[in-house]
């Protein structure tokens, strides 16, 4: 049955391109032997790092599942971990992270 909803892969491509356009790196994160880790790790200048789980629109991480366990573990270590499912979510996240990067690098330059 065809659907008009974008696939997770298309959201992933939008995220990757938006990160790269803002000067960051969007790494596909695979961790052999550890299922359920987030799909992407985003790095921006100034020590900005974020983990991202991508879902197709309308889909969510299952409560109590491996992906939820990893999200909680990553958060407990003090790293941000996001779940995005739309192109708008991807663009908003990149805007937020790139702004933090700009502020951090400006502060570092001032020191």
PDB file of N, CA and C in Angstrom:
ATOM      1  N   UNK A   1       0.844  -1.171   0.000  1.00  0.00           N
ATOM      2  CA  UNK A   1       0.000   0.000   0.000  1.00  0.00           C
ATOM      3  C   UNK A   1       0.899   1.248   0.000  1.00  0.00           C
ATOM      4  N   UNK A   2       0.825   2.079  -1.045  1.00  0.00           N
ATOM      5  CA  UNK A   2       1.670   3.273  -1.099  1.00  0.00           C
ATOM      6  C   UNK A   2       1.271   4.296  -0.043  1.00  0.00           C
ATOM      7  N   UNK A   3       2.254   5.061   0.376  1.00  0.00           N
ATOM      8  CA  UNK A   3       2.009   6.103   1.369  1.00  0.00           C
ATOM      9  C   UNK A   3       2.662   7.400   0.913  1.00  0.00           C
ATOM     10  N   UNK A   4       2.072   8.516   1.278  1.00  0.00           N
ATOM     11  CA  UNK A   4       2.642   9.813   0.933  1.00  0.00           C
ATOM     12  C   UNK A   4       3.598  10.315   2.006  1.00  0.00           C
ATOM     13  N   UNK A   5       3.674   9.604   3.126  1.00  0.00           N
ATOM     14  CA  UNK A   5       4.579  10.013   4.187  1.00  0.00           C
ATOM     15  C   UNK A   5       6.019   9.743   3.759  1.00  0.00           C
ATOM     16  N   UNK A   6       6.930  10.683   4.080  1.00  0.00           N
ATOM     17  CA  UNK A   6       8.324  10.440   3.726  1.00  0.00           C
ATOM     18  C   UNK A   6       8.901   9.288   4.547  1.00  0.00           C
ATOM     19  N   UNK A   7       9.846   8.594   3.943  1.00  0.00           N
ATOM     20  CA  UNK A   7      10.520   7.517   4.639  1.00  0.00           C
ATOM     21  C   UNK A   7      11.521   8.089   5.633  1.00  0.00           C
ATOM     22  N   UNK A   8      11.890   7.271   6.609  1.00  0.00           N
ATOM     23  CA  UNK A   8      12.911   7.670   7.582  1.00  0.00           C
ATOM     24  C   UNK A   8      14.187   8.103   6.862  1.00  0.00           C
ATOM     25  N   UNK A   9      14.528   7.396   5.783  1.00  0.00           N
ATOM     26  CA  UNK A   9      15.751   7.698   5.029  1.00  0.00           C
ATOM     27  C   UNK A   9      15.724   9.119   4.473  1.00  0.00           C
ATOM     28  N   UNK A  10      14.563   9.585   4.002  1.00  0.00           N
ATOM     29  CA  UNK A  10      14.501  10.944   3.449  1.00  0.00           C
ATOM     30  C   UNK A  10      14.673  11.987   4.554  1.00  0.00           C
ATOM     31  N   UNK A  11      14.141  11.730   5.749  1.00  0.00           N
ATOM     32  CA  UNK A  11      14.343  12.634   6.888  1.00  0.00           C
ATOM     33  C   UNK A  11      15.830  12.638   7.256  1.00  0.00           C
ATOM     34  N   UNK A  12      16.443  11.463   7.224  1.00  0.00           N
ATOM     35  CA  UNK A  12      17.866  11.333   7.530  1.00  0.00           C
ATOM     36  C   UNK A  12      18.713  12.143   6.548  1.00  0.00           C
ATOM     37  N   UNK A  13      18.380  12.087   5.272  1.00  0.00           N
ATOM     38  CA  UNK A  13      19.125  12.850   4.262  1.00  0.00           C
ATOM     39  C   UNK A  13      18.971  14.355   4.466  1.00  0.00           C
ATOM     40  N   UNK A  14      17.776  14.792   4.813  1.00  0.00           N
ATOM     41  CA  UNK A  14      17.536  16.220   5.089  1.00  0.00           C
ATOM     42  C   UNK A  14      18.369  16.654   6.292  1.00  0.00           C
ATOM     43  N   UNK A  15      18.378  15.838   7.343  1.00  0.00           N
ATOM     44  CA  UNK A  15      19.164  16.146   8.538  1.00  0.00           C
ATOM     45  C   UNK A  15      20.649  16.242   8.191  1.00  0.00           C
ATOM     46  N   UNK A  16      21.167  15.244   7.507  1.00  0.00           N
ATOM     47  CA  UNK A  16      22.591  15.216   7.153  1.00  0.00           C
ATOM     48  C   UNK A  16      22.985  16.444   6.349  1.00  0.00           C
ATOM     49  N   UNK A  17      22.206  16.774   5.333  1.00  0.00           N
ATOM     50  CA  UNK A  17      22.522  17.926   4.488  1.00  0.00           C
ATOM     51  C   UNK A  17      22.448  19.226   5.279  1.00  0.00           C
ATOM     52  N   UNK A  18      21.438  19.379   6.125  1.00  0.00           N
ATOM     53  CA  UNK A  18      21.295  20.601   6.927  1.00  0.00           C
ATOM     54  C   UNK A  18      22.478  20.771   7.879  1.00  0.00           C
ATOM     55  N   UNK A  19      22.913  19.681   8.506  1.00  0.00           N
ATOM     56  CA  UNK A  19      24.067  19.740   9.412  1.00  0.00           C
ATOM     57  C   UNK A  19      25.316  20.151   8.638  1.00  0.00           C
ATOM     58  N   UNK A  20      25.554  19.504   7.506  1.00  0.00           N
ATOM     59  CA  UNK A  20      26.739  19.818   6.703  1.00  0.00           C
ATOM     60  C   UNK A  20      26.700  21.252   6.191  1.00  0.00           C
ATOM     61  N   UNK A  21      25.525  21.735   5.794  1.00  0.00           N
ATOM     62  CA  UNK A  21      25.382  23.118   5.314  1.00  0.00           C
ATOM     63  C   UNK A  21      25.734  24.133   6.401  1.00  0.00           C
ATOM     64  N   UNK A  22      25.571  23.755   7.666  1.00  0.00           N
ATOM     65  CA  UNK A  22      25.875  24.651   8.790  1.00  0.00           C
ATOM     66  C   UNK A  22      27.276  24.428   9.358  1.00  0.00           C
ATOM     67  N   UNK A  23      28.075  23.579   8.685  1.00  0.00           N
ATOM     68  CA  UNK A  23      29.462  23.379   9.107  1.00  0.00           C
ATOM     69  C   UNK A  23      29.681  22.259  10.102  1.00  0.00           C
ATOM     70  N   UNK A  24      28.667  21.434  10.310  1.00  0.00           N
ATOM     71  CA  UNK A  24      28.794  20.317  11.238  1.00  0.00           C
ATOM     72  C   UNK A  24      29.045  19.010  10.513  1.00  0.00           C
ATOM     73  N   UNK A  25      29.116  17.948  11.291  1.00  0.00           N
ATOM     74  CA  UNK A  25      29.300  16.598  10.769  1.00  0.00           C
ATOM     75  C   UNK A  25      28.160  15.745  11.318  1.00  0.00           C
ATOM     76  N   UNK A  26      27.542  14.976  10.433  1.00  0.00           N
ATOM     77  CA  UNK A  26      26.424  14.116  10.820  1.00  0.00           C
ATOM     78  C   UNK A  26      26.817  12.668  10.523  1.00  0.00           C
ATOM     79  N   UNK A  27      27.288  11.981  11.545  1.00  0.00           N
ATOM     80  CA  UNK A  27      27.816  10.632  11.378  1.00  0.00           C
ATOM     81  C   UNK A  27      26.738   9.574  11.575  1.00  0.00           C
ATOM     82  N   UNK A  28      26.718   8.605  10.656  1.00  0.00           N
ATOM     83  CA  UNK A  28      25.854   7.435  10.841  1.00  0.00           C
ATOM     84  C   UNK A  28      26.503   6.627  11.950  1.00  0.00           C
ATOM     85  N   UNK A  29      25.748   6.359  13.001  1.00  0.00           N
ATOM     86  CA  UNK A  29      26.338   5.691  14.155  1.00  0.00           C
ATOM     87  C   UNK A  29      25.877   4.250  14.207  1.00  0.00           C
ATOM     88  N   UNK A  30      26.810   3.358  13.982  1.00  0.00           N
ATOM     89  CA  UNK A  30      26.535   1.937  14.155  1.00  0.00           C
ATOM     90  C   UNK A  30      27.481   1.435  15.235  1.00  0.00           C
ATOM     91  N   UNK A  31      26.992   0.571  16.045  1.00  0.00           N
ATOM     92  CA  UNK A  31      27.764   0.091  17.185  1.00  0.00           C
ATOM     93  C   UNK A  31      27.598  -1.430  17.243  1.00  0.00           C
ATOM     94  N   UNK A  32      28.483  -2.163  16.563  1.00  0.00           N
ATOM     95  CA  UNK A  32      28.337  -3.620  16.527  1.00  0.00           C
ATOM     96  C   UNK A  32      28.182  -4.224  17.925  1.00  0.00           C
ATOM     97  N   UNK A  33      27.214  -5.084  18.051  1.00  0.00           N
ATOM     98  CA  UNK A  33      26.956  -5.744  19.324  1.00  0.00           C
ATOM     99  C   UNK A  33      26.045  -4.960  20.256  1.00  0.00           C
ATOM    100  N   UNK A  34      25.633  -3.764  19.832  1.00  0.00           N
ATOM    101  CA  UNK A  34      24.770  -2.922  20.664  1.00  0.00           C
ATOM    102  C   UNK A  34      23.589  -2.423  19.834  1.00  0.00           C
ATOM    103  N   UNK A  35      22.559  -3.221  19.759  1.00  0.00           N
ATOM    104  CA  UNK A  35      21.364  -2.812  19.020  1.00  0.00           C
ATOM    105  C   UNK A  35      20.653  -1.693  19.752  1.00  0.00           C
ATOM    106  N   UNK A  36      19.963  -0.850  18.977  1.00  0.00           N
ATOM    107  CA  UNK A  36      19.118   0.173  19.570  1.00  0.00           C
ATOM    108  C   UNK A  36      19.771   1.520  19.788  1.00  0.00           C
ATOM    109  N   UNK A  37      21.088   1.651  19.455  1.00  0.00           N
ATOM    110  CA  UNK A  37      21.727   2.961  19.626  1.00  0.00           C
ATOM    111  C   UNK A  37      21.117   3.944  18.628  1.00  0.00           C
ATOM    112  N   UNK A  38      21.179   5.253  18.916  1.00  0.00           N
ATOM    113  CA  UNK A  38      20.620   6.244  17.986  1.00  0.00           C
ATOM    114  C   UNK A  38      21.248   6.139  16.595  1.00  0.00           C
ATOM    115  N   UNK A  39      20.500   6.595  15.595  1.00  0.00           N
ATOM    116  CA  UNK A  39      20.932   6.485  14.204  1.00  0.00           C
ATOM    117  C   UNK A  39      22.108   7.389  13.855  1.00  0.00           C
ATOM    118  N   UNK A  40      22.123   8.588  14.416  1.00  0.00           N
ATOM    119  CA  UNK A  40      23.118   9.586  14.026  1.00  0.00           C
ATOM    120  C   UNK A  40      23.755  10.252  15.239  1.00  0.00           C
ATOM    121  N   UNK A  41      25.024  10.639  15.056  1.00  0.00           N
ATOM    122  CA  UNK A  41      25.748  11.450  16.025  1.00  0.00           C
ATOM    123  C   UNK A  41      26.140  12.727  15.291  1.00  0.00           C
ATOM    124  N   UNK A  42      25.748  13.868  15.834  1.00  0.00           N
ATOM    125  CA  UNK A  42      26.007  15.164  15.204  1.00  0.00           C
ATOM    126  C   UNK A  42      27.087  15.887  16.000  1.00  0.00           C
ATOM    127  N   UNK A  43      28.070  16.428  15.273  1.00  0.00           N
ATOM    128  CA  UNK A  43      29.164  17.182  15.879  1.00  0.00           C
ATOM    129  C   UNK A  43      29.230  18.560  15.251  1.00  0.00           C
ATOM    130  N   UNK A  44      29.352  19.583  16.101  1.00  0.00           N
ATOM    131  CA  UNK A  44      29.549  20.957  15.646  1.00  0.00           C
ATOM    132  C   UNK A  44      30.759  21.535  16.364  1.00  0.00           C
ATOM    133  N   UNK A  45      31.423  22.527  15.756  1.00  0.00           N
ATOM    134  CA  UNK A  45      32.530  23.198  16.438  1.00  0.00           C
ATOM    135  C   UNK A  45      32.086  23.725  17.802  1.00  0.00           C
ATOM    136  N   UNK A  46      33.050  23.803  18.711  1.00  0.00           N
ATOM    137  CA  UNK A  46      32.745  24.287  20.051  1.00  0.00           C
ATOM    138  C   UNK A  46      32.368  23.167  21.005  1.00  0.00           C
ATOM    139  N   UNK A  47      32.591  21.916  20.593  1.00  0.00           N
ATOM    140  CA  UNK A  47      32.290  20.784  21.465  1.00  0.00           C
ATOM    141  C   UNK A  47      30.828  20.410  21.531  1.00  0.00           C
ATOM    142  N   UNK A  48      30.062  20.792  20.524  1.00  0.00           N
ATOM    143  CA  UNK A  48      28.629  20.475  20.497  1.00  0.00           C
ATOM    144  C   UNK A  48      28.453  19.073  19.916  1.00  0.00           C
ATOM    145  N   UNK A  49      27.792  18.215  20.677  1.00  0.00           N
ATOM    146  CA  UNK A  49      27.522  16.848  20.233  1.00  0.00           C
ATOM    147  C   UNK A  49      26.073  16.506  20.580  1.00  0.00           C
ATOM    148  N   UNK A  50      25.425  15.786  19.688  1.00  0.00           N
ATOM    149  CA  UNK A  50      24.048  15.349  19.938  1.00  0.00           C
ATOM    150  C   UNK A  50      23.826  14.006  19.253  1.00  0.00           C
ATOM    151  N   UNK A  51      23.011  13.191  19.861  1.00  0.00           N
ATOM    152  CA  UNK A  51      22.623  11.907  19.292  1.00  0.00           C
ATOM    153  C   UNK A  51      21.184  12.021  18.811  1.00  0.00           C
ATOM    154  N   UNK A  52      20.894  11.388  17.668  1.00  0.00           N
ATOM    155  CA  UNK A  52      19.571  11.530  17.059  1.00  0.00           C
ATOM    156  C   UNK A  52      19.028  10.169  16.634  1.00  0.00           C
ATOM    157  N   UNK A  53      17.820   9.889  17.070  1.00  0.00           N
ATOM    158  CA  UNK A  53      17.061   8.729  16.601  1.00  0.00           C
ATOM    159  C   UNK A  53      16.050   9.238  15.590  1.00  0.00           C
ATOM    160  N   UNK A  54      16.086   8.675  14.399  1.00  0.00           N
ATOM    161  CA  UNK A  54      15.172   9.089  13.337  1.00  0.00           C
ATOM    162  C   UNK A  54      14.014   8.108  13.225  1.00  0.00           C
ATOM    163  N   UNK A  55      12.839   8.653  13.005  1.00  0.00           N
ATOM    164  CA  UNK A  55      11.631   7.849  12.808  1.00  0.00           C
ATOM    165  C   UNK A  55      10.843   8.429  11.645  1.00  0.00           C
ATOM    166  N   UNK A  56      10.099   7.578  10.974  1.00  0.00           N
ATOM    167  CA  UNK A  56       9.204   8.097   9.935  1.00  0.00           C
ATOM    168  C   UNK A  56       8.087   8.863  10.629  1.00  0.00           C
ATOM    169  N   UNK A  57       7.471   9.824   9.941  1.00  0.00           N
ATOM    170  CA  UNK A  57       6.398  10.610  10.567  1.00  0.00           C
ATOM    171  C   UNK A  57       5.323   9.710  11.179  1.00  0.00           C
ATOM    172  N   UNK A  58       4.959  10.032  12.401  1.00  0.00           N
ATOM    173  CA  UNK A  58       3.934   9.274  13.109  1.00  0.00           C
ATOM    174  C   UNK A  58       4.470   8.139  13.956  1.00  0.00           C
ATOM    175  N   UNK A  59       5.698   7.703  13.688  1.00  0.00           N
ATOM    176  CA  UNK A  59       6.287   6.611  14.465  1.00  0.00           C
ATOM    177  C   UNK A  59       7.002   7.175  15.688  1.00  0.00           C
ATOM    178  N   UNK A  60       7.075   6.385  16.724  1.00  0.00           N
ATOM    179  CA  UNK A  60       7.726   6.787  17.978  1.00  0.00           C
ATOM    180  C   UNK A  60       8.603   5.652  18.486  1.00  0.00           C
ATOM    181  N   UNK A  61       9.572   6.000  19.308  1.00  0.00           N
ATOM    182  CA  UNK A  61      10.373   4.997  20.007  1.00  0.00           C
ATOM    183  C   UNK A  61       9.456   4.287  21.000  1.00  0.00           C
ATOM    184  N   UNK A  62       9.549   2.959  21.047  1.00  0.00           N
ATOM    185  CA  UNK A  62       8.710   2.180  21.967  1.00  0.00           C
ATOM    186  C   UNK A  62       9.188   2.360  23.400  1.00  0.00           C
ATOM    187  N   UNK A  63       8.259   2.715  24.268  1.00  0.00           N
ATOM    188  CA  UNK A  63       8.584   2.833  25.691  1.00  0.00           C
ATOM    189  C   UNK A  63       9.051   1.475  26.207  1.00  0.00           C
ATOM    190  N   UNK A  64      10.143   1.472  26.937  1.00  0.00           N
ATOM    191  CA  UNK A  64      10.663   0.237  27.499  1.00  0.00           C
ATOM    192  C   UNK A  64      11.528  -0.571  26.553  1.00  0.00           C
ATOM    193  N   UNK A  65      11.679  -0.118  25.303  1.00  0.00           N
ATOM    194  CA  UNK A  65      12.492  -0.840  24.330  1.00  0.00           C
ATOM    195  C   UNK A  65      13.965  -0.461  24.411  1.00  0.00           C
ATOM    196  N   UNK A  66      14.775  -1.104  23.571  1.00  0.00           N
ATOM    197  CA  UNK A  66      16.214  -0.840  23.549  1.00  0.00           C
ATOM    198  C   UNK A  66      16.539   0.606  23.193  1.00  0.00           C
ATOM    199  N   UNK A  67      15.831   1.164  22.221  1.00  0.00           N
ATOM    200  CA  UNK A  67      16.099   2.547  21.829  1.00  0.00           C
ATOM    201  C   UNK A  67      15.823   3.498  22.986  1.00  0.00           C
ATOM    202  N   UNK A  68      14.764   3.252  23.718  1.00  0.00           N
ATOM    203  CA  UNK A  68      14.452   4.071  24.890  1.00  0.00           C
ATOM    204  C   UNK A  68      15.522   3.882  25.960  1.00  0.00           C
ATOM    205  N   UNK A  69      15.985   2.660  26.167  1.00  0.00           N
ATOM    206  CA  UNK A  69      17.033   2.402  27.151  1.00  0.00           C
ATOM    207  C   UNK A  69      18.295   3.186  26.797  1.00  0.00           C
ATOM    208  N   UNK A  70      18.697   3.133  25.520  1.00  0.00           N
ATOM    209  CA  UNK A  70      19.892   3.870  25.095  1.00  0.00           C
ATOM    210  C   UNK A  70      19.699   5.374  25.241  1.00  0.00           C
ATOM    211  N   UNK A  71      18.527   5.876  24.912  1.00  0.00           N
ATOM    212  CA  UNK A  71      18.259   7.309  25.057  1.00  0.00           C
ATOM    213  C   UNK A  71      18.456   7.725  26.510  1.00  0.00           C
ATOM    214  N   UNK A  72      17.913   6.959  27.424  1.00  0.00           N
ATOM    215  CA  UNK A  72      18.038   7.277  28.846  1.00  0.00           C
ATOM    216  C   UNK A  72      19.493   7.177  29.314  1.00  0.00           C
ATOM    217  N   UNK A  73      20.222   6.193  28.819  1.00  0.00           N
ATOM    218  CA  UNK A  73      21.634   6.026  29.184  1.00  0.00           C
ATOM    219  C   UNK A  73      22.450   7.224  28.699  1.00  0.00           C
ATOM    220  N   UNK A  74      22.250   7.617  27.449  1.00  0.00           N
ATOM    221  CA  UNK A  74      22.971   8.758  26.877  1.00  0.00           C
ATOM    222  C   UNK A  74      22.647  10.031  27.653  1.00  0.00           C
ATOM    223  N   UNK A  75      21.376  10.244  27.950  1.00  0.00           N
ATOM    224  CA  UNK A  75      20.970  11.417  28.730  1.00  0.00           C
ATOM    225  C   UNK A  75      21.591  11.397  30.130  1.00  0.00           C
ATOM    226  N   UNK A  76      21.701  10.218  30.728  1.00  0.00           N
ATOM    227  CA  UNK A  76      22.270  10.124  32.080  1.00  0.00           C
ATOM    228  C   UNK A  76      23.749  10.500  32.098  1.00  0.00           C
ATOM    229  N   UNK A  77      24.413  10.399  30.963  1.00  0.00           N
ATOM    230  CA  UNK A  77      25.817  10.808  30.850  1.00  0.00           C
ATOM    231  C   UNK A  77      25.954  12.292  30.521  1.00  0.00           C
ATOM    232  N   UNK A  78      24.822  12.966  30.361  1.00  0.00           N
ATOM    233  CA  UNK A  78      24.846  14.406  30.107  1.00  0.00           C
ATOM    234  C   UNK A  78      24.867  14.806  28.646  1.00  0.00           C
ATOM    235  N   UNK A  79      24.671  13.856  27.749  1.00  0.00           N
ATOM    236  CA  UNK A  79      24.634  14.167  26.321  1.00  0.00           C
ATOM    237  C   UNK A  79      23.191  14.315  25.857  1.00  0.00           C
ATOM    238  N   UNK A  80      22.920  15.267  24.971  1.00  0.00           N
ATOM    239  CA  UNK A  80      21.563  15.394  24.445  1.00  0.00           C
ATOM    240  C   UNK A  80      21.252  14.275  23.455  1.00  0.00           C
ATOM    241  N   UNK A  81      20.016  13.822  23.479  1.00  0.00           N
ATOM    242  CA  UNK A  81      19.562  12.767  22.580  1.00  0.00           C
ATOM    243  C   UNK A  81      18.158  13.136  22.113  1.00  0.00           C
ATOM    244  N   UNK A  82      17.976  13.235  20.812  1.00  0.00           N
ATOM    245  CA  UNK A  82      16.720  13.717  20.242  1.00  0.00           C
ATOM    246  C   UNK A  82      16.071  12.642  19.381  1.00  0.00           C
ATOM    247  N   UNK A  83      14.765  12.725  19.270  1.00  0.00           N
ATOM    248  CA  UNK A  83      13.993  11.886  18.353  1.00  0.00           C
ATOM    249  C   UNK A  83      13.319  12.826  17.365  1.00  0.00           C
ATOM    250  N   UNK A  84      13.580  12.622  16.083  1.00  0.00           N
ATOM    251  CA  UNK A  84      12.952  13.475  15.078  1.00  0.00           C
ATOM    252  C   UNK A  84      12.248  12.617  14.036  1.00  0.00           C
ATOM    253  N   UNK A  85      11.146  13.169  13.502  1.00  0.00           N
ATOM    254  CA  UNK A  85      10.355  12.392  12.544  1.00  0.00           C
ATOM    255  C   UNK A  85       9.829  13.228  11.380  1.00  0.00           C
ATOM    256  N   UNK A  86      10.236  14.490  11.304  1.00  0.00           N
ATOM    257  CA  UNK A  86       9.810  15.322  10.171  1.00  0.00           C
ATOM    258  C   UNK A  86      10.981  16.175   9.699  1.00  0.00           C
ATOM    259  N   UNK A  87      10.857  16.683   8.476  1.00  0.00           N
ATOM    260  CA  UNK A  87      11.875  17.591   7.943  1.00  0.00           C
ATOM    261  C   UNK A  87      11.961  18.844   8.806  1.00  0.00           C
ATOM    262  N   UNK A  88      10.828  19.328   9.283  1.00  0.00           N
ATOM    263  CA  UNK A  88      10.814  20.502  10.156  1.00  0.00           C
ATOM    264  C   UNK A  88      11.558  20.252  11.456  1.00  0.00           C
ATOM    265  N   UNK A  89      11.357  19.057  12.048  1.00  0.00           N
ATOM    266  CA  UNK A  89      12.105  18.688  13.259  1.00  0.00           C
ATOM    267  C   UNK A  89      13.604  18.734  12.989  1.00  0.00           C
ATOM    268  N   UNK A  90      14.004  18.187  11.843  1.00  0.00           N
ATOM    269  CA  UNK A  90      15.426  18.140  11.484  1.00  0.00           C
ATOM    270  C   UNK A  90      15.996  19.546  11.374  1.00  0.00           C
ATOM    271  N   UNK A  91      15.297  20.415  10.671  1.00  0.00           N
ATOM    272  CA  UNK A  91      15.787  21.790  10.480  1.00  0.00           C
ATOM    273  C   UNK A  91      15.827  22.562  11.799  1.00  0.00           C
ATOM    274  N   UNK A  92      14.818  22.391  12.643  1.00  0.00           N
ATOM    275  CA  UNK A  92      14.807  23.069  13.945  1.00  0.00           C
ATOM    276  C   UNK A  92      15.966  22.598  14.823  1.00  0.00           C
ATOM    277  N   UNK A  93      16.224  21.307  14.827  1.00  0.00           N
ATOM    278  CA  UNK A  93      17.331  20.779  15.622  1.00  0.00           C
ATOM    279  C   UNK A  93      18.660  21.346  15.139  1.00  0.00           C
ATOM    280  N   UNK A  94      18.854  21.370  13.827  1.00  0.00           N
ATOM    281  CA  UNK A  94      20.110  21.896  13.278  1.00  0.00           C
ATOM    282  C   UNK A  94      20.253  23.380  13.596  1.00  0.00           C
ATOM    283  N   UNK A  95      19.178  24.138  13.483  1.00  0.00           N
ATOM    284  CA  UNK A  95      19.232  25.565  13.846  1.00  0.00           C
ATOM    285  C   UNK A  95      19.656  25.724  15.309  1.00  0.00           C
ATOM    286  N   UNK A  96      19.064  24.937  16.186  1.00  0.00           N
ATOM    287  CA  UNK A  96      19.380  25.003  17.613  1.00  0.00           C
ATOM    288  C   UNK A  96      20.846  24.660  17.869  1.00  0.00           C
ATOM    289  N   UNK A  97      21.310  23.540  17.298  1.00  0.00           N
ATOM    290  CA  UNK A  97      22.687  23.099  17.536  1.00  0.00           C
ATOM    291  C   UNK A  97      23.709  24.045  16.920  1.00  0.00           C
ATOM    292  N   UNK A  98      23.436  24.543  15.716  1.00  0.00           N
ATOM    293  CA  UNK A  98      24.398  25.453  15.075  1.00  0.00           C
ATOM    294  C   UNK A  98      24.462  26.786  15.817  1.00  0.00           C
ATOM    295  N   UNK A  99      23.352  27.232  16.390  1.00  0.00           N
ATOM    296  CA  UNK A  99      23.363  28.453  17.205  1.00  0.00           C
ATOM    297  C   UNK A  99      24.200  28.242  18.461  1.00  0.00           C
ATOM    298  N   UNK A 100      24.034  27.103  19.124  1.00  0.00           N
ATOM    299  CA  UNK A 100      24.864  26.783  20.296  1.00  0.00           C
ATOM    300  C   UNK A 100      26.335  26.742  19.910  1.00  0.00           C
ATOM    301  N   UNK A 101      26.632  26.178  18.738  1.00  0.00           N
ATOM    302  CA  UNK A 101      28.009  26.103  18.256  1.00  0.00           C
ATOM    303  C   UNK A 101      28.581  27.499  18.048  1.00  0.00           C
ATOM    304  N   UNK A 102      27.806  28.369  17.419  1.00  0.00           N
ATOM    305  CA  UNK A 102      28.248  29.741  17.162  1.00  0.00           C
ATOM    306  C   UNK A 102      28.538  30.461  18.480  1.00  0.00           C
ATOM    307  N   UNK A 103      27.632  30.330  19.434  1.00  0.00           N
ATOM    308  CA  UNK A 103      27.805  30.987  20.737  1.00  0.00           C
ATOM    309  C   UNK A 103      29.045  30.441  21.446  1.00  0.00           C
ATOM    310  N   UNK A 104      29.213  29.122  21.437  1.00  0.00           N
ATOM    311  CA  UNK A 104      30.348  28.504  22.126  1.00  0.00           C
ATOM    312  C   UNK A 104      31.672  28.912  21.488  1.00  0.00           C
ATOM    313  N   UNK A 105      31.749  28.890  20.158  1.00  0.00           N
ATOM    314  CA  UNK A 105      33.012  29.252  19.508  1.00  0.00           C
ATOM    315  C   UNK A 105      33.312  30.733  19.689  1.00  0.00           C
ATOM    316  N   UNK A 106      32.286  31.579  19.735  1.00  0.00           N
ATOM    317  CA  UNK A 106      32.498  33.010  19.984  1.00  0.00           C
ATOM    318  C   UNK A 106      33.038  33.219  21.397  1.00  0.00           C
ATOM    319  N   UNK A 107      32.506  32.475  22.364  1.00  0.00           N
ATOM    320  CA  UNK A 107      32.998  32.575  23.742  1.00  0.00           C
ATOM    321  C   UNK A 107      34.435  32.075  23.843  1.00  0.00           C
ATOM    322  N   UNK A 108      34.732  30.975  23.144  1.00  0.00           N
ATOM    323  CA  UNK A 108      36.090  30.434  23.159  1.00  0.00           C
ATOM    324  C   UNK A 108      37.080  31.432  22.563  1.00  0.00           C
ATOM    325  N   UNK A 109      36.672  32.112  21.488  1.00  0.00           N
ATOM    326  CA  UNK A 109      37.537  33.103  20.845  1.00  0.00           C
ATOM    327  C   UNK A 109      37.782  34.301  21.752  1.00  0.00           C
ATOM    328  N   UNK A 110      36.791  34.643  22.577  1.00  0.00           N
ATOM    329  CA  UNK A 110      36.905  35.800  23.472  1.00  0.00           C
ATOM    330  C   UNK A 110      37.833  35.512  24.658  1.00  0.00           C
ATOM    331  N   UNK A 111      37.979  34.231  25.007  1.00  0.00           N
ATOM    332  CA  UNK A 111      38.816  33.864  26.169  1.00  0.00           C
ATOM    333  C   UNK A 111      40.279  33.942  25.894  1.00  0.00           C
TER     334      UNK A 111
END
